[in-house]
Amino acid sequence: MGLDYIRANTGKPWRKRWNGGLDRLKSPTLLDLTMTEAARTVTAELNAGARVKAGDKLIVQSAADGLTVSDGLRAIGRIANPSTELTTAVHNGGGYAEGVLQRVGLFGDTAELSVK
């Protein structure tokens, strides 16, 4: 009696009941994992006195010693050791890329940039 009785009297076994549910879970939904735009997040060293806030749109441009971050015409920081992937992406974009400031460090000397 016990487990065999319960399985026999409850209808379909558990696996068959959820078989359709598993198929529904495997189908693409609203939260599809394909991304359309690649963004890279890097840490930039800010110059002393740079006044920036989260959400600012900045310009990332190629320089001899890495990448320079500027707000219009004034340079506000630099990315000292960028990855080769990021350097190639900026170079292929004509030497410039758009960056969005995600977060400023606690002491105001670093910032996290999302580069498109």
C-alpha atoms as a PDB file:
ATOM      1  CA  MET A   1       0.000   0.000   0.000  1.00  0.00           C
ATOM      2  CA  GLY A   2       1.918   3.280   0.629  1.00  0.00           C
ATOM      3  CA  LEU A   3       3.813   4.816  -2.267  1.00  0.00           C
ATOM      4  CA  ASP A   4       2.529   2.414  -4.954  1.00  0.00           C
ATOM      5  CA  TYR A   5      -1.075   3.135  -3.964  1.00  0.00           C
ATOM      6  CA  ILE A   6      -0.533   6.931  -4.081  1.00  0.00           C
ATOM      7  CA  ARG A   7       1.161   6.765  -7.493  1.00  0.00           C
ATOM      8  CA  ALA A   8      -1.565   4.536  -8.923  1.00  0.00           C
ATOM      9  CA  ASN A   9      -4.477   6.674  -7.669  1.00  0.00           C
ATOM     10  CA  THR A  10      -3.145  10.198  -8.342  1.00  0.00           C
ATOM     11  CA  GLY A  11      -3.356  10.056 -12.118  1.00  0.00           C
ATOM     12  CA  LYS A  12      -0.373  10.637 -14.322  1.00  0.00           C
ATOM     13  CA  PRO A  13       3.065  10.210 -12.847  1.00  0.00           C
ATOM     14  CA  TRP A  14       4.859  13.435 -11.917  1.00  0.00           C
ATOM     15  CA  ARG A  15       7.128  13.334 -14.979  1.00  0.00           C
ATOM     16  CA  LYS A  16       4.240  13.130 -17.428  1.00  0.00           C
ATOM     17  CA  ARG A  17       2.310  15.897 -15.689  1.00  0.00           C
ATOM     18  CA  TRP A  18       5.232  18.315 -16.050  1.00  0.00           C
ATOM     19  CA  ASN A  19       6.303  17.191 -19.502  1.00  0.00           C
ATOM     20  CA  GLY A  20       4.341  20.014 -21.163  1.00  0.00           C
ATOM     21  CA  GLY A  21       5.584  22.443 -18.531  1.00  0.00           C
ATOM     22  CA  LEU A  22       9.188  21.635 -19.367  1.00  0.00           C
ATOM     23  CA  ASP A  23       8.508  22.307 -23.040  1.00  0.00           C
ATOM     24  CA  ARG A  24       6.993  25.681 -22.152  1.00  0.00           C
ATOM     25  CA  LEU A  25      10.002  26.572 -20.020  1.00  0.00           C
ATOM     26  CA  LYS A  26      12.390  25.803 -22.885  1.00  0.00           C
ATOM     27  CA  SER A  27      10.598  28.105 -25.340  1.00  0.00           C
ATOM     28  CA  PRO A  28      11.816  31.736 -25.717  1.00  0.00           C
ATOM     29  CA  THR A  29       9.994  34.265 -23.558  1.00  0.00           C
ATOM     30  CA  LEU A  30      10.028  37.931 -22.750  1.00  0.00           C
ATOM     31  CA  LEU A  31      13.367  37.560 -21.000  1.00  0.00           C
ATOM     32  CA  ASP A  32      15.286  36.169 -23.967  1.00  0.00           C
ATOM     33  CA  LEU A  33      19.032  35.955 -23.408  1.00  0.00           C
ATOM     34  CA  THR A  34      20.131  37.357 -26.765  1.00  0.00           C
ATOM     35  CA  MET A  35      21.665  40.806 -26.416  1.00  0.00           C
ATOM     36  CA  THR A  36      21.650  43.348 -29.203  1.00  0.00           C
ATOM     37  CA  GLU A  37      24.344  45.729 -28.010  1.00  0.00           C
ATOM     38  CA  ALA A  38      27.605  44.869 -26.300  1.00  0.00           C
ATOM     39  CA  ALA A  39      28.702  47.144 -23.476  1.00  0.00           C
ATOM     40  CA  ARG A  40      32.016  46.868 -21.678  1.00  0.00           C
ATOM     41  CA  THR A  41      32.456  48.170 -18.149  1.00  0.00           C
ATOM     42  CA  VAL A  42      35.890  49.543 -17.271  1.00  0.00           C
ATOM     43  CA  THR A  43      37.395  51.506 -14.400  1.00  0.00           C
ATOM     44  CA  ALA A  44      38.762  54.950 -15.192  1.00  0.00           C
ATOM     45  CA  GLU A  45      41.119  57.024 -13.057  1.00  0.00           C
ATOM     46  CA  LEU A  46      39.675  60.518 -12.691  1.00  0.00           C
ATOM     47  CA  ASN A  47      41.725  63.718 -12.613  1.00  0.00           C
ATOM     48  CA  ALA A  48      41.695  65.804  -9.444  1.00  0.00           C
ATOM     49  CA  GLY A  49      38.766  68.214  -9.459  1.00  0.00           C
ATOM     50  CA  ALA A  50      36.724  66.305 -12.054  1.00  0.00           C
ATOM     51  CA  ARG A  51      33.040  66.842 -11.326  1.00  0.00           C
ATOM     52  CA  VAL A  52      30.972  64.003 -12.710  1.00  0.00           C
ATOM     53  CA  LYS A  53      27.892  62.102 -11.639  1.00  0.00           C
ATOM     54  CA  ALA A  54      26.273  58.795 -12.516  1.00  0.00           C
ATOM     55  CA  GLY A  55      24.493  58.892 -15.854  1.00  0.00           C
ATOM     56  CA  ASP A  56      26.829  61.410 -17.527  1.00  0.00           C
ATOM     57  CA  LYS A  57      27.660  60.647 -21.155  1.00  0.00           C
ATOM     58  CA  LEU A  58      31.397  60.867 -21.775  1.00  0.00           C
ATOM     59  CA  ILE A  59      33.761  60.463 -24.721  1.00  0.00           C
ATOM     60  CA  VAL A  60      36.385  57.710 -24.683  1.00  0.00           C
ATOM     61  CA  GLN A  61      39.187  58.287 -27.176  1.00  0.00           C
ATOM     62  CA  SER A  62      42.451  56.630 -28.130  1.00  0.00           C
ATOM     63  CA  ALA A  63      45.663  58.015 -26.666  1.00  0.00           C
ATOM     64  CA  ALA A  64      49.309  56.980 -26.664  1.00  0.00           C
ATOM     65  CA  ASP A  65      49.235  55.658 -23.073  1.00  0.00           C
ATOM     66  CA  GLY A  66      45.803  53.990 -23.150  1.00  0.00           C
ATOM     67  CA  LEU A  67      42.403  55.637 -23.455  1.00  0.00           C
ATOM     68  CA  THR A  68      41.403  59.156 -22.454  1.00  0.00           C
ATOM     69  CA  VAL A  69      38.009  60.018 -20.953  1.00  0.00           C
ATOM     70  CA  SER A  70      36.672  63.494 -21.662  1.00  0.00           C
ATOM     71  CA  ASP A  71      33.534  65.506 -21.046  1.00  0.00           C
ATOM     72  CA  GLY A  72      33.257  67.532 -24.217  1.00  0.00           C
ATOM     73  CA  LEU A  73      36.589  69.301 -24.706  1.00  0.00           C
ATOM     74  CA  ARG A  74      38.029  68.837 -21.235  1.00  0.00           C
ATOM     75  CA  ALA A  75      39.853  65.649 -20.278  1.00  0.00           C
ATOM     76  CA  ILE A  76      38.615  64.330 -16.948  1.00  0.00           C
ATOM     77  CA  GLY A  77      40.426  61.000 -16.662  1.00  0.00           C
ATOM     78  CA  ARG A  78      42.063  58.047 -18.338  1.00  0.00           C
ATOM     79  CA  ILE A  79      41.850  54.288 -18.607  1.00  0.00           C
ATOM     80  CA  ALA A  80      45.403  53.172 -17.913  1.00  0.00           C
ATOM     81  CA  ASN A  81      45.433  49.502 -18.949  1.00  0.00           C
ATOM     82  CA  PRO A  82      42.494  48.821 -21.265  1.00  0.00           C
ATOM     83  CA  SER A  83      41.947  45.357 -22.642  1.00  0.00           C
ATOM     84  CA  THR A  84      42.970  44.699 -26.220  1.00  0.00           C
ATOM     85  CA  GLU A  85      39.318  44.050 -27.099  1.00  0.00           C
ATOM     86  CA  LEU A  86      38.293  47.514 -25.851  1.00  0.00           C
ATOM     87  CA  THR A  87      41.252  49.211 -27.539  1.00  0.00           C
ATOM     88  CA  THR A  88      40.416  47.520 -30.844  1.00  0.00           C
ATOM     89  CA  ALA A  89      36.729  48.457 -30.545  1.00  0.00           C
ATOM     90  CA  VAL A  90      37.566  52.131 -29.922  1.00  0.00           C
ATOM     91  CA  HIS A  91      40.114  52.149 -32.749  1.00  0.00           C
ATOM     92  CA  ASN A  92      37.590  50.580 -35.166  1.00  0.00           C
ATOM     93  CA  GLY A  93      35.041  53.228 -34.177  1.00  0.00           C
ATOM     94  CA  GLY A  94      37.252  55.994 -35.561  1.00  0.00           C
ATOM     95  CA  GLY A  95      39.226  56.445 -32.357  1.00  0.00           C
ATOM     96  CA  TYR A  96      36.169  57.483 -30.318  1.00  0.00           C
ATOM     97  CA  ALA A  97      33.445  55.718 -28.351  1.00  0.00           C
ATOM     98  CA  GLU A  98      30.562  56.769 -26.124  1.00  0.00           C
ATOM     99  CA  GLY A  99      30.758  55.958 -22.441  1.00  0.00           C
ATOM    100  CA  VAL A 100      28.098  56.266 -19.759  1.00  0.00           C
ATOM    101  CA  LEU A 101      29.263  56.808 -16.205  1.00  0.00           C
ATOM    102  CA  GLN A 102      27.769  54.063 -14.026  1.00  0.00           C
ATOM    103  CA  ARG A 103      29.277  54.808 -10.627  1.00  0.00           C
ATOM    104  CA  VAL A 104      31.828  57.159  -9.044  1.00  0.00           C
ATOM    105  CA  GLY A 105      34.217  55.740  -6.459  1.00  0.00           C
ATOM    106  CA  LEU A 106      33.976  56.585  -2.767  1.00  0.00           C
ATOM    107  CA  PHE A 107      36.855  59.076  -2.827  1.00  0.00           C
ATOM    108  CA  GLY A 108      36.018  60.476  -6.273  1.00  0.00           C
ATOM    109  CA  ASP A 109      39.264  59.307  -7.862  1.00  0.00           C
ATOM    110  CA  THR A 110      37.821  56.390  -9.878  1.00  0.00           C
ATOM    111  CA  ALA A 111      34.705  55.783 -11.920  1.00  0.00           C
ATOM    112  CA  GLU A 112      33.091  52.842 -13.643  1.00  0.00           C
ATOM    113  CA  LEU A 113      32.254  53.505 -17.284  1.00  0.00           C
ATOM    114  CA  SER A 114      30.060  51.458 -19.585  1.00  0.00           C
ATOM    115  CA  VAL A 115      31.595  51.806 -23.061  1.00  0.00           C
ATOM    116  CA  LYS A 116      29.467  51.045 -26.130  1.00  0.00           C
END
